């Protein structure tokens, strides 16, 4: 039975992007179901019909429904161990899970001040001290991973992993808001932006014409 991933707008939905990248980059077959965000009660009910959380993304696998990006990725890692979504080495796997969970639960200032919007013209904006601290911490994570695993490949843990899926939307944020980054961070961003799955999401997001005014504030 084919998996179904329910997602929101590719232009805006960073949470939808994460499991989509994990699936697509890993070559796991799935169908995509799009429900536009912030369009009224009817579409909100369509999401509620999938998951009581009332949010996307959600993964449907037969009688099993999983929601929340990180929970979906963990489910995929168990369901498809051959995909190698987590590093094989226990210490590396623990590190990958830690930085993925940090992304999942943290960096609120960056999220709030630099929302994902693929259509936004590239350009810097004035950021709070908290957002700048988030950016510094993310660059620290990426640089540390680069120092440890660069010989194994261009991604955070060498080969593409769940951690890259979790940080994928941040690559767009750094690009869109013209964040000044170090050479190792730029090398990682270039690797992600060259990933076919990343490029496909981006190209499809840029074809969307629906505008969510509340997400166009800056």
N, C-alpha and C. Protein backbone atom coordinates (compact mmCIF):
# COMPACT_ATOMS: atom_id res chain seq x y z
N UNK A 1 0.84 -1.19 0.00
CA UNK A 1 0.00 0.00 0.00
C UNK A 1 0.89 1.25 0.00
N UNK A 2 0.58 2.20 -0.87
CA UNK A 2 1.37 3.41 -1.00
C UNK A 2 1.11 4.37 0.15
N UNK A 3 2.15 4.96 0.66
CA UNK A 3 2.03 5.97 1.69
C UNK A 3 1.41 7.24 1.10
N UNK A 4 0.70 7.97 1.94
CA UNK A 4 0.18 9.28 1.54
C UNK A 4 0.66 10.32 2.53
N UNK A 5 1.26 11.38 2.03
CA UNK A 5 1.71 12.48 2.87
C UNK A 5 0.81 13.68 2.60
N UNK A 6 0.14 14.13 3.64
CA UNK A 6 -0.73 15.31 3.55
C UNK A 6 0.10 16.53 3.92
N UNK A 7 0.15 17.50 3.02
CA UNK A 7 1.01 18.67 3.23
C UNK A 7 0.23 19.96 2.98
N UNK A 8 0.84 21.07 3.42
CA UNK A 8 0.31 22.40 3.12
C UNK A 8 1.05 23.02 1.96
N UNK A 9 0.95 24.33 1.84
CA UNK A 9 1.55 25.07 0.73
C UNK A 9 3.07 24.93 0.73
N UNK A 10 3.63 24.55 -0.40
CA UNK A 10 5.08 24.39 -0.48
C UNK A 10 5.82 25.72 -0.36
N UNK A 11 5.16 26.80 -0.72
CA UNK A 11 5.80 28.10 -0.58
C UNK A 11 6.05 28.46 0.88
N UNK A 12 5.18 28.03 1.77
CA UNK A 12 5.22 28.48 3.16
C UNK A 12 5.48 27.38 4.20
N UNK A 13 5.05 26.17 3.94
CA UNK A 13 4.96 25.16 5.00
C UNK A 13 6.29 24.45 5.24
N UNK A 14 7.07 25.00 6.15
CA UNK A 14 8.36 24.39 6.48
C UNK A 14 8.19 23.03 7.13
N UNK A 15 7.16 22.88 7.93
CA UNK A 15 6.94 21.59 8.59
C UNK A 15 6.59 20.52 7.58
N UNK A 16 5.84 20.87 6.54
CA UNK A 16 5.52 19.90 5.49
C UNK A 16 6.76 19.52 4.70
N UNK A 17 7.66 20.48 4.51
CA UNK A 17 8.86 20.23 3.72
C UNK A 17 9.73 19.14 4.33
N UNK A 18 9.78 19.06 5.65
CA UNK A 18 10.72 18.15 6.31
C UNK A 18 10.45 16.68 5.97
N UNK A 19 9.28 16.13 6.25
CA UNK A 19 9.08 14.72 5.90
C UNK A 19 9.02 14.49 4.39
N UNK A 20 8.58 15.49 3.64
CA UNK A 20 8.57 15.37 2.17
C UNK A 20 9.99 15.16 1.67
N UNK A 21 10.94 15.96 2.17
CA UNK A 21 12.34 15.78 1.80
C UNK A 21 12.86 14.41 2.21
N UNK A 22 12.51 13.99 3.42
CA UNK A 22 12.97 12.68 3.90
C UNK A 22 12.49 11.57 2.98
N UNK A 23 11.24 11.63 2.56
CA UNK A 23 10.69 10.62 1.66
C UNK A 23 11.33 10.69 0.28
N UNK A 24 11.33 11.88 -0.30
CA UNK A 24 11.78 12.04 -1.68
C UNK A 24 13.27 11.74 -1.82
N UNK A 25 14.08 12.28 -0.92
CA UNK A 25 15.52 12.09 -1.03
C UNK A 25 15.93 10.65 -0.75
N UNK A 26 15.09 9.92 -0.01
CA UNK A 26 15.38 8.53 0.32
C UNK A 26 14.82 7.56 -0.71
N UNK A 27 14.06 8.06 -1.68
CA UNK A 27 13.50 7.20 -2.71
C UNK A 27 12.34 6.35 -2.23
N UNK A 28 11.66 6.77 -1.17
CA UNK A 28 10.50 6.04 -0.65
C UNK A 28 9.26 6.49 -1.43
N UNK A 29 8.55 5.55 -2.01
CA UNK A 29 7.37 5.88 -2.81
C UNK A 29 6.25 6.42 -1.93
N UNK A 30 5.61 7.49 -2.39
CA UNK A 30 4.48 8.04 -1.65
C UNK A 30 3.62 8.89 -2.57
N UNK A 31 2.38 9.06 -2.16
CA UNK A 31 1.48 9.98 -2.84
C UNK A 31 1.36 11.24 -2.00
N UNK A 32 1.11 12.33 -2.65
CA UNK A 32 1.06 13.63 -2.00
C UNK A 32 -0.37 14.16 -2.04
N UNK A 33 -0.86 14.61 -0.89
CA UNK A 33 -2.19 15.22 -0.84
C UNK A 33 -2.04 16.64 -0.30
N UNK A 34 -2.44 17.60 -1.09
CA UNK A 34 -2.27 19.01 -0.72
C UNK A 34 -3.57 19.58 -0.18
N UNK A 35 -3.48 20.20 1.00
CA UNK A 35 -4.60 20.95 1.56
C UNK A 35 -4.09 22.36 1.84
N UNK A 36 -4.62 23.38 1.17
CA UNK A 36 -4.12 24.74 1.37
C UNK A 36 -4.37 25.23 2.79
N UNK A 37 -3.44 26.04 3.28
CA UNK A 37 -3.51 26.54 4.65
C UNK A 37 -4.24 27.88 4.70
N UNK A 38 -4.92 28.12 5.82
CA UNK A 38 -5.56 29.40 6.11
C UNK A 38 -6.56 29.82 5.05
N UNK A 39 -7.35 28.87 4.57
CA UNK A 39 -8.34 29.21 3.54
C UNK A 39 -9.78 29.12 4.05
N UNK A 40 -9.95 28.83 5.34
CA UNK A 40 -11.30 28.80 5.89
C UNK A 40 -11.66 27.48 6.52
N UNK A 41 -12.90 27.40 6.96
CA UNK A 41 -13.37 26.26 7.76
C UNK A 41 -13.36 24.95 6.98
N UNK A 42 -13.65 25.01 5.69
CA UNK A 42 -13.76 23.77 4.92
C UNK A 42 -12.42 23.04 4.85
N UNK A 43 -11.36 23.78 4.52
CA UNK A 43 -10.05 23.15 4.44
C UNK A 43 -9.53 22.78 5.82
N UNK A 44 -9.85 23.57 6.82
CA UNK A 44 -9.47 23.21 8.19
C UNK A 44 -10.12 21.88 8.57
N UNK A 45 -11.36 21.67 8.17
CA UNK A 45 -12.04 20.41 8.47
C UNK A 45 -11.40 19.27 7.72
N UNK A 46 -10.93 19.52 6.50
CA UNK A 46 -10.24 18.46 5.74
C UNK A 46 -9.00 17.99 6.48
N UNK A 47 -8.30 18.93 7.10
CA UNK A 47 -7.12 18.54 7.89
C UNK A 47 -7.55 17.79 9.13
N UNK A 48 -8.59 18.27 9.81
CA UNK A 48 -9.09 17.60 11.02
C UNK A 48 -9.59 16.19 10.70
N UNK A 49 -10.08 15.98 9.50
CA UNK A 49 -10.51 14.64 9.11
C UNK A 49 -9.35 13.67 9.00
N UNK A 50 -8.13 14.23 8.82
CA UNK A 50 -6.94 13.39 8.74
C UNK A 50 -6.32 13.18 10.11
N UNK A 51 -6.20 14.26 10.88
CA UNK A 51 -5.56 14.19 12.19
C UNK A 51 -6.25 15.12 13.18
N UNK A 52 -6.47 14.67 14.38
CA UNK A 52 -7.12 15.52 15.38
C UNK A 52 -6.28 16.72 15.79
N UNK A 53 -4.98 16.70 15.47
CA UNK A 53 -4.14 17.85 15.78
C UNK A 53 -4.52 19.06 14.93
N UNK A 54 -5.15 18.80 13.79
CA UNK A 54 -5.59 19.90 12.94
C UNK A 54 -4.47 20.62 12.24
N UNK A 55 -3.32 19.94 12.07
CA UNK A 55 -2.18 20.56 11.42
C UNK A 55 -1.56 19.58 10.44
N UNK A 56 -0.90 20.13 9.43
CA UNK A 56 -0.10 19.32 8.51
C UNK A 56 1.36 19.51 8.88
N UNK A 57 2.19 18.52 8.53
CA UNK A 57 1.93 17.34 7.71
C UNK A 57 1.35 16.19 8.51
N UNK A 58 0.84 15.22 7.77
CA UNK A 58 0.39 13.96 8.35
C UNK A 58 0.69 12.85 7.34
N UNK A 59 1.11 11.71 7.85
CA UNK A 59 1.42 10.57 7.00
C UNK A 59 0.38 9.49 7.23
N UNK A 60 -0.17 8.97 6.13
CA UNK A 60 -1.15 7.89 6.20
C UNK A 60 -0.53 6.64 5.61
N UNK A 61 -0.48 5.59 6.41
CA UNK A 61 0.08 4.30 5.98
C UNK A 61 -0.94 3.23 6.32
N UNK A 62 -1.89 3.01 5.41
CA UNK A 62 -2.97 2.06 5.69
C UNK A 62 -3.82 2.56 6.84
N UNK A 63 -3.88 1.77 7.91
CA UNK A 63 -4.67 2.15 9.08
C UNK A 63 -3.91 3.03 10.05
N UNK A 64 -2.68 3.32 9.75
CA UNK A 64 -1.83 4.11 10.64
C UNK A 64 -1.74 5.55 10.13
N UNK A 65 -1.98 6.50 11.02
CA UNK A 65 -1.78 7.91 10.70
C UNK A 65 -0.79 8.49 11.70
N UNK A 66 0.22 9.16 11.18
CA UNK A 66 1.25 9.78 12.01
C UNK A 66 1.28 11.26 11.68
N UNK A 67 1.28 12.10 12.69
CA UNK A 67 1.39 13.53 12.45
C UNK A 67 2.58 14.09 13.22
N UNK A 68 2.96 15.30 12.86
CA UNK A 68 4.14 15.98 13.37
C UNK A 68 5.37 15.52 12.58
N UNK A 69 6.13 16.49 12.08
CA UNK A 69 7.24 16.18 11.17
C UNK A 69 8.24 15.19 11.73
N UNK A 70 8.69 15.41 12.96
CA UNK A 70 9.71 14.53 13.52
C UNK A 70 9.15 13.14 13.79
N UNK A 71 7.90 13.05 14.24
CA UNK A 71 7.28 11.75 14.46
C UNK A 71 7.17 10.98 13.15
N UNK A 72 6.83 11.69 12.07
CA UNK A 72 6.73 11.04 10.76
C UNK A 72 8.10 10.51 10.34
N UNK A 73 9.13 11.32 10.52
CA UNK A 73 10.48 10.88 10.13
C UNK A 73 10.92 9.68 10.95
N UNK A 74 10.63 9.67 12.23
CA UNK A 74 10.97 8.52 13.07
C UNK A 74 10.22 7.28 12.59
N UNK A 75 8.96 7.45 12.24
CA UNK A 75 8.17 6.32 11.73
C UNK A 75 8.78 5.79 10.44
N UNK A 76 9.17 6.69 9.55
CA UNK A 76 9.77 6.26 8.29
C UNK A 76 11.08 5.53 8.52
N UNK A 77 11.87 6.00 9.48
CA UNK A 77 13.15 5.35 9.77
C UNK A 77 12.94 3.92 10.26
N UNK A 78 11.88 3.69 11.02
CA UNK A 78 11.57 2.33 11.48
C UNK A 78 10.95 1.49 10.37
N UNK A 79 10.10 2.12 9.59
CA UNK A 79 9.38 1.40 8.52
C UNK A 79 10.30 1.04 7.36
N UNK A 80 11.29 1.89 7.09
CA UNK A 80 12.20 1.69 5.96
C UNK A 80 13.64 1.80 6.44
N UNK A 81 14.12 0.86 7.23
CA UNK A 81 15.49 0.97 7.76
C UNK A 81 16.55 1.02 6.67
N UNK A 82 16.23 0.42 5.51
CA UNK A 82 17.20 0.42 4.41
C UNK A 82 17.44 1.83 3.85
N UNK A 83 16.55 2.77 4.15
CA UNK A 83 16.70 4.14 3.66
C UNK A 83 17.82 4.88 4.39
N UNK A 84 18.20 4.40 5.56
CA UNK A 84 19.30 5.01 6.30
C UNK A 84 19.02 6.44 6.72
N UNK A 85 17.82 6.70 7.20
CA UNK A 85 17.48 8.07 7.59
C UNK A 85 18.25 8.55 8.81
N UNK A 86 18.69 7.61 9.64
CA UNK A 86 19.58 7.97 10.74
C UNK A 86 20.94 7.33 10.51
N UNK A 87 22.03 7.95 10.95
CA UNK A 87 23.36 7.33 10.80
C UNK A 87 23.42 5.96 11.46
N UNK A 88 24.21 5.07 10.89
CA UNK A 88 24.32 3.71 11.42
C UNK A 88 25.10 3.67 12.73
N UNK A 89 26.10 4.51 12.86
CA UNK A 89 26.92 4.53 14.07
C UNK A 89 26.10 5.07 15.24
N UNK A 90 26.06 4.38 16.38
CA UNK A 90 25.21 4.81 17.51
C UNK A 90 25.51 6.22 18.00
N UNK A 91 26.79 6.58 18.12
CA UNK A 91 27.13 7.91 18.60
C UNK A 91 26.69 8.99 17.61
N UNK A 92 26.92 8.74 16.32
CA UNK A 92 26.48 9.70 15.30
C UNK A 92 24.96 9.79 15.27
N UNK A 93 24.31 8.65 15.41
CA UNK A 93 22.84 8.64 15.41
C UNK A 93 22.29 9.44 16.58
N UNK A 94 22.91 9.30 17.76
CA UNK A 94 22.48 10.07 18.92
C UNK A 94 22.65 11.56 18.68
N UNK A 95 23.77 11.93 18.07
CA UNK A 95 24.03 13.33 17.77
C UNK A 95 22.99 13.85 16.76
N UNK A 96 22.71 13.06 15.73
CA UNK A 96 21.74 13.47 14.71
C UNK A 96 20.36 13.64 15.31
N UNK A 97 19.98 12.74 16.20
CA UNK A 97 18.67 12.87 16.85
C UNK A 97 18.65 14.11 17.75
N UNK A 98 19.74 14.39 18.41
CA UNK A 98 19.79 15.55 19.31
C UNK A 98 19.63 16.85 18.55
N UNK A 99 20.39 17.02 17.46
CA UNK A 99 20.29 18.27 16.72
C UNK A 99 18.95 18.38 15.99
N UNK A 100 18.37 17.24 15.62
CA UNK A 100 17.05 17.27 14.98
C UNK A 100 15.98 17.68 15.99
N UNK A 101 16.07 17.15 17.20
CA UNK A 101 15.12 17.52 18.24
C UNK A 101 15.29 18.99 18.63
N UNK A 102 16.54 19.47 18.62
CA UNK A 102 16.78 20.88 18.92
C UNK A 102 16.11 21.77 17.87
N UNK A 103 16.18 21.36 16.61
CA UNK A 103 15.49 22.10 15.55
C UNK A 103 13.98 22.05 15.75
N UNK A 104 13.50 20.89 16.12
CA UNK A 104 12.06 20.68 16.28
C UNK A 104 11.48 21.56 17.38
N UNK A 105 12.21 21.72 18.46
CA UNK A 105 11.65 22.40 19.63
C UNK A 105 12.16 23.81 19.84
N UNK A 106 13.19 24.20 19.10
CA UNK A 106 13.83 25.48 19.38
C UNK A 106 13.78 26.47 18.24
N UNK A 107 14.61 27.51 18.38
CA UNK A 107 14.80 28.54 17.36
C UNK A 107 13.52 29.30 17.05
N UNK A 108 12.76 29.59 18.10
CA UNK A 108 11.47 30.26 17.91
C UNK A 108 11.62 31.65 17.32
N UNK A 109 12.65 32.38 17.74
CA UNK A 109 12.82 33.74 17.23
C UNK A 109 13.09 33.74 15.74
N UNK A 110 13.95 32.84 15.29
CA UNK A 110 14.23 32.75 13.86
C UNK A 110 12.98 32.38 13.09
N UNK A 111 12.22 31.42 13.60
CA UNK A 111 10.98 31.02 12.93
C UNK A 111 10.04 32.21 12.79
N UNK A 112 9.88 32.96 13.88
CA UNK A 112 8.90 34.05 13.89
C UNK A 112 9.32 35.22 13.03
N UNK A 113 10.62 35.50 12.99
CA UNK A 113 11.10 36.69 12.28
C UNK A 113 11.49 36.42 10.84
N UNK A 114 11.76 35.16 10.53
CA UNK A 114 12.19 34.79 9.16
C UNK A 114 11.37 33.60 8.69
N UNK A 115 10.09 33.82 8.48
CA UNK A 115 9.23 32.74 8.04
C UNK A 115 9.61 32.25 6.66
N UNK A 116 9.35 30.97 6.39
CA UNK A 116 9.65 30.45 5.06
C UNK A 116 8.67 31.00 4.05
N UNK A 117 9.19 31.62 3.03
CA UNK A 117 8.39 32.19 1.96
C UNK A 117 9.26 32.22 0.71
N UNK A 118 9.11 31.22 -0.14
CA UNK A 118 10.00 31.07 -1.29
C UNK A 118 9.89 32.22 -2.27
N UNK A 119 8.73 32.89 -2.28
CA UNK A 119 8.51 33.99 -3.22
C UNK A 119 9.11 35.31 -2.73
N UNK A 120 9.50 35.37 -1.48
CA UNK A 120 10.02 36.63 -0.94
C UNK A 120 11.31 37.02 -1.67
N UNK A 121 11.43 38.27 -2.12
CA UNK A 121 12.69 38.70 -2.73
C UNK A 121 13.83 38.55 -1.73
N UNK A 122 14.97 38.09 -2.19
CA UNK A 122 16.11 37.89 -1.31
C UNK A 122 16.58 39.25 -0.77
N UNK A 123 16.73 39.32 0.55
CA UNK A 123 17.18 40.57 1.16
C UNK A 123 17.17 40.47 2.67
N UNK A 124 18.07 41.18 3.28
CA UNK A 124 18.21 41.14 4.73
C UNK A 124 17.11 41.97 5.40
N UNK A 125 16.89 41.71 6.68
CA UNK A 125 16.00 42.51 7.50
C UNK A 125 16.63 42.64 8.88
N UNK A 126 16.16 43.59 9.65
CA UNK A 126 16.66 43.78 11.00
C UNK A 126 16.12 42.68 11.91
N UNK A 127 17.01 41.99 12.60
CA UNK A 127 16.62 40.87 13.44
C UNK A 127 16.90 41.16 14.91
N UNK A 128 16.14 40.50 15.76
CA UNK A 128 16.33 40.66 17.20
C UNK A 128 17.60 39.93 17.65
N UNK A 129 18.02 40.24 18.87
CA UNK A 129 19.17 39.54 19.44
C UNK A 129 18.89 38.04 19.54
N UNK A 130 17.66 37.68 19.87
CA UNK A 130 17.31 36.26 19.99
C UNK A 130 17.41 35.54 18.65
N UNK A 131 16.96 36.20 17.59
CA UNK A 131 17.05 35.58 16.26
C UNK A 131 18.51 35.43 15.84
N UNK A 132 19.32 36.44 16.13
CA UNK A 132 20.74 36.34 15.80
C UNK A 132 21.42 35.23 16.60
N UNK A 133 20.98 35.04 17.84
CA UNK A 133 21.53 33.94 18.65
C UNK A 133 21.12 32.59 18.06
N UNK A 134 19.89 32.49 17.56
CA UNK A 134 19.44 31.26 16.89
C UNK A 134 20.31 30.97 15.67
N UNK A 135 20.57 32.00 14.89
CA UNK A 135 21.39 31.83 13.68
C UNK A 135 22.79 31.37 14.05
N UNK A 136 23.35 31.95 15.08
CA UNK A 136 24.69 31.56 15.51
C UNK A 136 24.73 30.11 15.97
N UNK A 137 23.70 29.70 16.70
CA UNK A 137 23.66 28.31 17.18
C UNK A 137 23.52 27.33 16.01
N UNK A 138 22.68 27.64 15.04
CA UNK A 138 22.52 26.76 13.90
C UNK A 138 23.83 26.66 13.12
N UNK A 139 24.50 27.79 12.92
CA UNK A 139 25.80 27.73 12.24
C UNK A 139 26.81 26.91 13.03
N UNK A 140 26.75 26.99 14.35
CA UNK A 140 27.64 26.18 15.18
C UNK A 140 27.37 24.69 14.97
N UNK A 141 26.10 24.30 14.91
CA UNK A 141 25.73 22.90 14.68
C UNK A 141 26.24 22.44 13.33
N UNK A 142 25.95 23.21 12.30
CA UNK A 142 26.35 22.80 10.95
C UNK A 142 27.86 22.74 10.81
N UNK A 143 28.56 23.68 11.42
CA UNK A 143 30.02 23.69 11.33
C UNK A 143 30.63 22.50 12.06
N UNK A 144 30.09 22.18 13.23
CA UNK A 144 30.58 21.03 13.97
C UNK A 144 30.36 19.74 13.18
N UNK A 145 29.20 19.60 12.58
CA UNK A 145 28.93 18.42 11.76
C UNK A 145 29.88 18.37 10.57
N UNK A 146 30.13 19.53 9.95
CA UNK A 146 31.05 19.58 8.82
C UNK A 146 32.44 19.11 9.23
N UNK A 147 32.90 19.57 10.38
CA UNK A 147 34.23 19.20 10.85
C UNK A 147 34.34 17.70 11.12
N UNK A 148 33.26 17.11 11.61
CA UNK A 148 33.30 15.69 11.96
C UNK A 148 33.06 14.76 10.78
N UNK A 149 32.20 15.17 9.85
CA UNK A 149 31.71 14.22 8.85
C UNK A 149 31.94 14.63 7.40
N UNK A 150 32.65 15.73 7.15
CA UNK A 150 32.81 16.21 5.78
C UNK A 150 33.46 15.18 4.86
N UNK A 151 34.35 14.37 5.40
CA UNK A 151 35.02 13.37 4.57
C UNK A 151 34.06 12.29 4.09
N UNK A 152 32.94 12.13 4.78
CA UNK A 152 31.97 11.08 4.42
C UNK A 152 30.91 11.56 3.44
N UNK A 153 30.87 12.87 3.17
CA UNK A 153 29.87 13.40 2.26
C UNK A 153 29.53 14.83 2.61
N UNK A 154 28.75 15.53 1.78
CA UNK A 154 28.52 16.97 1.95
C UNK A 154 27.43 17.35 2.94
N UNK A 155 26.71 16.34 3.46
CA UNK A 155 25.58 16.65 4.32
C UNK A 155 25.99 16.61 5.79
N UNK A 156 25.06 16.86 6.69
CA UNK A 156 25.43 17.03 8.10
C UNK A 156 26.15 15.82 8.67
N UNK A 157 25.73 14.63 8.26
CA UNK A 157 26.36 13.41 8.76
C UNK A 157 26.95 12.58 7.61
N UNK A 158 27.43 13.28 6.61
CA UNK A 158 28.01 12.63 5.44
C UNK A 158 26.96 12.42 4.37
N UNK A 159 26.26 11.29 4.44
CA UNK A 159 25.14 11.03 3.53
C UNK A 159 23.90 11.79 4.02
N UNK A 160 22.97 12.01 3.11
CA UNK A 160 21.71 12.66 3.49
C UNK A 160 21.04 11.87 4.61
N UNK A 161 20.49 12.59 5.59
CA UNK A 161 19.86 11.93 6.73
C UNK A 161 18.64 12.73 7.18
N UNK A 162 17.98 12.21 8.19
CA UNK A 162 16.82 12.90 8.78
C UNK A 162 17.20 14.28 9.27
N UNK A 163 18.43 14.45 9.76
CA UNK A 163 18.85 15.76 10.25
C UNK A 163 18.82 16.80 9.14
N UNK A 164 19.22 16.41 7.94
CA UNK A 164 19.16 17.33 6.81
C UNK A 164 17.72 17.69 6.47
N UNK A 165 16.84 16.71 6.56
CA UNK A 165 15.42 16.99 6.32
C UNK A 165 14.89 18.00 7.33
N UNK A 166 15.30 17.86 8.58
CA UNK A 166 14.83 18.77 9.62
C UNK A 166 15.36 20.19 9.42
N UNK A 167 16.58 20.33 8.92
CA UNK A 167 17.16 21.67 8.74
C UNK A 167 16.96 22.23 7.34
N UNK A 168 16.34 21.46 6.44
CA UNK A 168 16.14 21.92 5.08
C UNK A 168 15.48 23.29 4.98
N UNK A 169 14.37 23.54 5.69
CA UNK A 169 13.74 24.85 5.59
C UNK A 169 14.62 26.00 6.07
N UNK A 170 15.55 25.72 6.98
CA UNK A 170 16.45 26.77 7.45
C UNK A 170 17.38 27.23 6.32
N UNK A 171 17.74 26.30 5.45
CA UNK A 171 18.55 26.68 4.29
C UNK A 171 17.82 27.74 3.48
N UNK A 172 16.51 27.55 3.28
CA UNK A 172 15.73 28.55 2.57
C UNK A 172 15.67 29.86 3.35
N UNK A 173 15.51 29.78 4.65
CA UNK A 173 15.47 31.00 5.44
C UNK A 173 16.78 31.78 5.34
N UNK A 174 17.90 31.07 5.47
CA UNK A 174 19.20 31.75 5.37
C UNK A 174 19.37 32.37 3.99
N UNK A 175 18.93 31.67 2.95
CA UNK A 175 19.05 32.20 1.59
C UNK A 175 18.14 33.41 1.40
N UNK A 176 16.89 33.27 1.77
CA UNK A 176 15.89 34.31 1.52
C UNK A 176 16.21 35.60 2.26
N UNK A 177 16.66 35.46 3.50
CA UNK A 177 16.92 36.65 4.32
C UNK A 177 18.39 37.08 4.28
N UNK A 178 19.14 36.55 3.31
CA UNK A 178 20.52 36.97 3.05
C UNK A 178 21.37 36.94 4.31
N UNK A 179 21.24 35.84 5.07
CA UNK A 179 22.02 35.69 6.29
C UNK A 179 23.50 35.52 5.93
N UNK A 180 24.35 36.25 6.60
CA UNK A 180 25.79 36.12 6.38
C UNK A 180 26.27 34.86 7.09
N UNK A 181 26.91 33.98 6.33
CA UNK A 181 27.32 32.68 6.90
C UNK A 181 28.80 32.43 6.64
N UNK A 182 29.35 31.48 7.37
CA UNK A 182 30.75 31.09 7.22
C UNK A 182 30.92 30.18 6.00
N UNK A 183 32.14 30.00 5.51
CA UNK A 183 32.36 29.11 4.35
C UNK A 183 31.85 27.68 4.55
N UNK A 184 32.07 27.02 5.71
CA UNK A 184 31.52 25.67 5.86
C UNK A 184 29.99 25.64 5.79
N UNK A 185 29.36 26.65 6.35
CA UNK A 185 27.90 26.73 6.30
C UNK A 185 27.44 26.96 4.87
N UNK A 186 28.13 27.81 4.14
CA UNK A 186 27.78 28.04 2.73
C UNK A 186 27.94 26.76 1.93
N UNK A 187 28.98 25.98 2.21
CA UNK A 187 29.19 24.72 1.49
C UNK A 187 28.03 23.76 1.75
N UNK A 188 27.57 23.72 2.99
CA UNK A 188 26.43 22.85 3.31
C UNK A 188 25.17 23.34 2.61
N UNK A 189 24.93 24.64 2.65
CA UNK A 189 23.75 25.18 1.97
C UNK A 189 23.79 24.85 0.48
N UNK A 190 24.96 24.98 -0.13
CA UNK A 190 25.09 24.67 -1.56
C UNK A 190 24.78 23.20 -1.83
N UNK A 191 25.24 22.32 -0.94
CA UNK A 191 24.95 20.89 -1.10
C UNK A 191 23.46 20.63 -1.01
N UNK A 192 22.80 21.27 -0.06
CA UNK A 192 21.35 21.07 0.08
C UNK A 192 20.60 21.63 -1.12
N UNK A 193 21.01 22.81 -1.58
CA UNK A 193 20.30 23.43 -2.71
C UNK A 193 20.55 22.69 -4.02
N UNK A 194 21.58 21.84 -4.05
CA UNK A 194 21.86 21.01 -5.22
C UNK A 194 21.16 19.66 -5.16
N UNK A 195 20.59 19.34 -4.01
CA UNK A 195 19.89 18.06 -3.84
C UNK A 195 18.63 18.05 -4.72
N UNK A 196 18.44 17.06 -5.59
CA UNK A 196 17.27 17.06 -6.47
C UNK A 196 15.94 17.20 -5.74
N UNK A 197 15.80 16.55 -4.60
CA UNK A 197 14.54 16.66 -3.86
C UNK A 197 14.32 18.09 -3.38
N UNK A 198 15.37 18.73 -2.90
CA UNK A 198 15.28 20.12 -2.45
C UNK A 198 14.89 21.01 -3.62
N UNK A 199 15.51 20.79 -4.77
CA UNK A 199 15.22 21.60 -5.95
C UNK A 199 13.77 21.39 -6.41
N UNK A 200 13.30 20.16 -6.34
CA UNK A 200 11.92 19.88 -6.78
C UNK A 200 10.91 20.59 -5.89
N UNK A 201 11.11 20.52 -4.57
CA UNK A 201 10.21 21.22 -3.65
C UNK A 201 10.21 22.72 -3.97
N UNK A 202 11.41 23.27 -4.15
CA UNK A 202 11.54 24.70 -4.40
C UNK A 202 10.85 25.11 -5.69
N UNK A 203 11.09 24.37 -6.76
CA UNK A 203 10.48 24.70 -8.04
C UNK A 203 8.96 24.63 -7.96
N UNK A 204 8.44 23.62 -7.29
CA UNK A 204 6.99 23.49 -7.17
C UNK A 204 6.41 24.58 -6.27
N UNK A 205 7.16 24.94 -5.21
CA UNK A 205 6.69 26.02 -4.35
C UNK A 205 6.63 27.35 -5.08
N UNK A 206 7.57 27.58 -5.97
CA UNK A 206 7.61 28.83 -6.70
C UNK A 206 6.50 28.93 -7.74
N UNK A 207 5.91 27.80 -8.12
CA UNK A 207 4.79 27.85 -9.07
C UNK A 207 3.46 28.18 -8.37
N UNK A 208 3.43 28.08 -7.06
CA UNK A 208 2.19 28.37 -6.34
C UNK A 208 1.88 29.87 -6.42
N UNK A 209 0.61 30.18 -6.57
CA UNK A 209 0.20 31.58 -6.68
C UNK A 209 -0.63 32.04 -5.49
N UNK A 210 -1.04 31.11 -4.63
CA UNK A 210 -1.88 31.48 -3.49
C UNK A 210 -1.05 32.28 -2.48
N UNK A 211 -1.58 33.42 -2.05
CA UNK A 211 -0.89 34.29 -1.12
C UNK A 211 -1.59 34.25 0.23
N UNK A 212 -0.83 33.97 1.29
CA UNK A 212 -1.33 34.01 2.65
C UNK A 212 -0.85 35.31 3.27
N UNK A 213 -1.75 36.27 3.39
CA UNK A 213 -1.36 37.63 3.79
C UNK A 213 -0.65 37.66 5.14
N UNK A 214 -1.10 36.84 6.09
CA UNK A 214 -0.50 36.87 7.43
C UNK A 214 0.94 36.41 7.41
N UNK A 215 1.34 35.71 6.35
CA UNK A 215 2.72 35.23 6.24
C UNK A 215 3.56 36.10 5.33
N UNK A 216 3.00 37.25 4.92
CA UNK A 216 3.70 38.16 4.03
C UNK A 216 4.06 39.45 4.74
N UNK A 217 4.11 39.44 6.06
CA UNK A 217 4.26 40.65 6.85
C UNK A 217 5.55 41.39 6.57
N UNK A 218 6.62 40.69 6.26
CA UNK A 218 7.90 41.39 6.09
C UNK A 218 8.25 41.56 4.61
